[in-house]
Amino acid sequence: MNTHPDHPLRQSRRDIRGRGRRGARRGAQRGLRRGVTLIELLVTLAILGLVAGVTGLSLGAAPAPAVPLDARRAHIADARDAALRTGHPVTVIIADSGAVAYLTALPDGRVLADLNQPGDASP
């Protein structure tokens, strides 16, 4: 028998007490759990999907800035003046927030508006 004090067979009871069955199980469980569970992975992917969706929506095409009302009125007045001066109809195209308006100033001073493109076969 080996009588050296550092030999593994000569451990005191104090050293052995801290390593009971529970301690061994906890250590084994800690050693076995090194990966990621499927639930954790799915939750992470769901959160990333939400963040990507919100980011994509916020970075989407921003609407064109609206033409100020005063600028629209000035364009219509200029077209009307030009039609009265020349005696010919004058058409002005105003695009605002995705909608396009075609305004035609007639030589008699009237202004007609059409939301369709000229030449469309709409009733």
C-alpha atoms as a PDB file:
ATOM      1  CA  MET A   1       0.000   0.000   0.000  1.00  0.00           C
ATOM      2  CA  ASN A   2       1.202   3.477  -0.878  1.00  0.00           C
ATOM      3  CA  THR A   3       1.637   5.785   2.111  1.00  0.00           C
ATOM      4  CA  HIS A   4       2.502   8.974   0.303  1.00  0.00           C
ATOM      5  CA  PRO A   5       0.180  11.869   1.476  1.00  0.00           C
ATOM      6  CA  ASP A   6      -0.609  13.077  -2.110  1.00  0.00           C
ATOM      7  CA  HIS A   7      -1.574   9.636  -3.342  1.00  0.00           C
ATOM      8  CA  PRO A   8      -5.236   9.521  -4.618  1.00  0.00           C
ATOM      9  CA  LEU A   9      -6.108   6.650  -2.292  1.00  0.00           C
ATOM     10  CA  ARG A  10      -5.143   8.700   0.769  1.00  0.00           C
ATOM     11  CA  GLN A  11      -7.745  11.454   0.538  1.00  0.00           C
ATOM     12  CA  SER A  12      -9.286  12.692   3.713  1.00  0.00           C
ATOM     13  CA  ARG A  13     -12.996  12.482   4.383  1.00  0.00           C
ATOM     14  CA  ARG A  14     -13.256  16.246   4.083  1.00  0.00           C
ATOM     15  CA  ASP A  15     -12.162  16.093   0.430  1.00  0.00           C
ATOM     16  CA  ILE A  16     -14.657  13.330  -0.334  1.00  0.00           C
ATOM     17  CA  ARG A  17     -17.674  14.986   1.346  1.00  0.00           C
ATOM     18  CA  GLY A  18     -17.936  17.777  -1.223  1.00  0.00           C
ATOM     19  CA  ARG A  19     -18.234  15.261  -4.042  1.00  0.00           C
ATOM     20  CA  GLY A  20     -21.339  13.321  -3.181  1.00  0.00           C
ATOM     21  CA  ARG A  21     -23.833  11.855  -5.610  1.00  0.00           C
ATOM     22  CA  ARG A  22     -25.660  15.126  -6.128  1.00  0.00           C
ATOM     23  CA  GLY A  23     -22.459  16.967  -6.900  1.00  0.00           C
ATOM     24  CA  ALA A  24     -21.491  14.330  -9.412  1.00  0.00           C
ATOM     25  CA  ARG A  25     -24.879  14.531 -11.149  1.00  0.00           C
ATOM     26  CA  ARG A  26     -24.776  18.288 -11.365  1.00  0.00           C
ATOM     27  CA  GLY A  27     -21.322  18.171 -12.849  1.00  0.00           C
ATOM     28  CA  ALA A  28     -22.390  15.569 -15.355  1.00  0.00           C
ATOM     29  CA  GLN A  29     -25.443  17.589 -16.318  1.00  0.00           C
ATOM     30  CA  ARG A  30     -23.371  20.704 -16.789  1.00  0.00           C
ATOM     31  CA  GLY A  31     -20.917  18.800 -18.920  1.00  0.00           C
ATOM     32  CA  LEU A  32     -23.616  17.316 -21.127  1.00  0.00           C
ATOM     33  CA  ARG A  33     -25.481  20.564 -21.816  1.00  0.00           C
ATOM     34  CA  ARG A  34     -23.238  22.228 -24.327  1.00  0.00           C
ATOM     35  CA  GLY A  35     -25.637  22.789 -27.255  1.00  0.00           C
ATOM     36  CA  VAL A  36     -28.724  24.823 -28.000  1.00  0.00           C
ATOM     37  CA  THR A  37     -32.213  23.384 -27.727  1.00  0.00           C
ATOM     38  CA  LEU A  38     -34.638  23.460 -30.621  1.00  0.00           C
ATOM     39  CA  ILE A  39     -36.983  25.809 -28.730  1.00  0.00           C
ATOM     40  CA  GLU A  40     -34.181  28.314 -28.139  1.00  0.00           C
ATOM     41  CA  LEU A  41     -33.256  28.183 -31.813  1.00  0.00           C
ATOM     42  CA  LEU A  42     -36.868  28.691 -32.949  1.00  0.00           C
ATOM     43  CA  VAL A  43     -37.407  31.617 -30.560  1.00  0.00           C
ATOM     44  CA  THR A  44     -34.202  33.256 -31.795  1.00  0.00           C
ATOM     45  CA  LEU A  45     -35.234  32.802 -35.434  1.00  0.00           C
ATOM     46  CA  ALA A  46     -38.690  34.235 -34.723  1.00  0.00           C
ATOM     47  CA  ILE A  47     -37.201  37.325 -33.087  1.00  0.00           C
ATOM     48  CA  LEU A  48     -34.759  37.800 -35.965  1.00  0.00           C
ATOM     49  CA  GLY A  49     -37.638  37.464 -38.437  1.00  0.00           C
ATOM     50  CA  LEU A  50     -39.637  40.149 -36.655  1.00  0.00           C
ATOM     51  CA  VAL A  51     -36.669  42.501 -36.555  1.00  0.00           C
ATOM     52  CA  ALA A  52     -35.970  41.906 -40.250  1.00  0.00           C
ATOM     53  CA  GLY A  53     -39.622  42.513 -41.138  1.00  0.00           C
ATOM     54  CA  VAL A  54     -39.849  45.754 -39.210  1.00  0.00           C
ATOM     55  CA  THR A  55     -36.535  46.935 -40.646  1.00  0.00           C
ATOM     56  CA  GLY A  56     -37.624  46.058 -44.177  1.00  0.00           C
ATOM     57  CA  LEU A  57     -40.873  47.943 -43.819  1.00  0.00           C
ATOM     58  CA  SER A  58     -39.189  51.007 -42.397  1.00  0.00           C
ATOM     59  CA  LEU A  59     -36.561  51.048 -45.152  1.00  0.00           C
ATOM     60  CA  GLY A  60     -39.138  50.583 -47.922  1.00  0.00           C
ATOM     61  CA  ALA A  61     -39.781  53.130 -50.611  1.00  0.00           C
ATOM     62  CA  ALA A  62     -40.711  56.386 -48.988  1.00  0.00           C
ATOM     63  CA  PRO A  63     -43.599  58.224 -50.637  1.00  0.00           C
ATOM     64  CA  ALA A  64     -42.673  61.142 -52.816  1.00  0.00           C
ATOM     65  CA  PRO A  65     -42.919  64.445 -50.989  1.00  0.00           C
ATOM     66  CA  ALA A  66     -46.194  66.190 -51.621  1.00  0.00           C
ATOM     67  CA  VAL A  67     -46.215  69.205 -53.872  1.00  0.00           C
ATOM     68  CA  PRO A  68     -47.193  72.227 -51.768  1.00  0.00           C
ATOM     69  CA  LEU A  69     -50.679  73.573 -52.417  1.00  0.00           C
ATOM     70  CA  ASP A  70     -49.319  77.004 -53.378  1.00  0.00           C
ATOM     71  CA  ALA A  71     -47.070  75.443 -56.025  1.00  0.00           C
ATOM     72  CA  ARG A  72     -50.014  73.488 -57.496  1.00  0.00           C
ATOM     73  CA  ARG A  73     -52.142  76.634 -57.621  1.00  0.00           C
ATOM     74  CA  ALA A  74     -49.298  78.537 -59.297  1.00  0.00           C
ATOM     75  CA  HIS A  75     -48.926  75.831 -61.998  1.00  0.00           C
ATOM     76  CA  ILE A  76     -52.674  75.885 -62.691  1.00  0.00           C
ATOM     77  CA  ALA A  77     -52.735  79.699 -62.853  1.00  0.00           C
ATOM     78  CA  ASP A  78     -49.733  79.742 -65.215  1.00  0.00           C
ATOM     79  CA  ALA A  79     -51.402  77.179 -67.499  1.00  0.00           C
ATOM     80  CA  ARG A  80     -54.661  79.160 -67.519  1.00  0.00           C
ATOM     81  CA  ASP A  81     -52.819  82.402 -68.336  1.00  0.00           C
ATOM     82  CA  ALA A  82     -50.913  80.676 -71.155  1.00  0.00           C
ATOM     83  CA  ALA A  83     -54.136  79.241 -72.601  1.00  0.00           C
ATOM     84  CA  LEU A  84     -55.838  82.654 -72.525  1.00  0.00           C
ATOM     85  CA  ARG A  85     -52.813  84.335 -74.127  1.00  0.00           C
ATOM     86  CA  THR A  86     -52.215  81.807 -76.911  1.00  0.00           C
ATOM     87  CA  GLY A  87     -55.789  80.699 -77.577  1.00  0.00           C
ATOM     88  CA  HIS A  88     -54.715  77.022 -77.359  1.00  0.00           C
ATOM     89  CA  PRO A  89     -55.359  74.441 -74.622  1.00  0.00           C
ATOM     90  CA  VAL A  90     -52.456  73.930 -72.199  1.00  0.00           C
ATOM     91  CA  THR A  91     -52.076  70.696 -70.224  1.00  0.00           C
ATOM     92  CA  VAL A  92     -50.271  70.502 -66.880  1.00  0.00           C
ATOM     93  CA  ILE A  93     -49.330  67.214 -65.183  1.00  0.00           C
ATOM     94  CA  ILE A  94     -49.248  67.225 -61.383  1.00  0.00           C
ATOM     95  CA  ALA A  95     -48.004  64.110 -59.597  1.00  0.00           C
ATOM     96  CA  ASP A  96     -48.720  64.010 -55.887  1.00  0.00           C
ATOM     97  CA  SER A  97     -48.365  61.034 -53.517  1.00  0.00           C
ATOM     98  CA  GLY A  98     -48.635  58.443 -56.259  1.00  0.00           C
ATOM     99  CA  ALA A  99     -51.688  60.068 -57.891  1.00  0.00           C
ATOM    100  CA  VAL A 100     -51.305  61.822 -61.207  1.00  0.00           C
ATOM    101  CA  ALA A 101     -53.640  64.615 -62.264  1.00  0.00           C
ATOM    102  CA  TYR A 102     -53.785  65.980 -65.803  1.00  0.00           C
ATOM    103  CA  LEU A 103     -55.142  69.521 -65.834  1.00  0.00           C
ATOM    104  CA  THR A 104     -56.081  71.143 -69.114  1.00  0.00           C
ATOM    105  CA  ALA A 105     -56.572  74.895 -69.256  1.00  0.00           C
ATOM    106  CA  LEU A 106     -58.885  75.890 -72.102  1.00  0.00           C
ATOM    107  CA  PRO A 107     -58.720  79.196 -74.015  1.00  0.00           C
ATOM    108  CA  ASP A 108     -62.092  80.284 -72.565  1.00  0.00           C
ATOM    109  CA  GLY A 109     -60.642  80.228 -68.998  1.00  0.00           C
ATOM    110  CA  ARG A 110     -62.007  76.880 -67.831  1.00  0.00           C
ATOM    111  CA  VAL A 111     -59.707  74.266 -66.302  1.00  0.00           C
ATOM    112  CA  LEU A 112     -60.532  70.570 -66.691  1.00  0.00           C
ATOM    113  CA  ALA A 113     -59.017  67.866 -64.493  1.00  0.00           C
ATOM    114  CA  ASP A 114     -58.452  64.194 -65.415  1.00  0.00           C
ATOM    115  CA  LEU A 115     -56.942  61.586 -63.140  1.00  0.00           C
ATOM    116  CA  ASN A 116     -56.308  59.216 -66.043  1.00  0.00           C
ATOM    117  CA  GLN A 117     -53.554  59.467 -68.601  1.00  0.00           C
ATOM    118  CA  PRO A 118     -54.476  61.288 -71.805  1.00  0.00           C
ATOM    119  CA  GLY A 119     -55.624  58.807 -74.429  1.00  0.00           C
ATOM    120  CA  ASP A 120     -56.909  56.230 -71.890  1.00  0.00           C
ATOM    121  CA  ALA A 121     -60.091  54.558 -73.031  1.00  0.00           C
ATOM    122  CA  SER A 122     -61.900  55.075 -69.758  1.00  0.00           C
ATOM    123  CA  PRO A 123     -65.545  56.181 -69.644  1.00  0.00           C
END
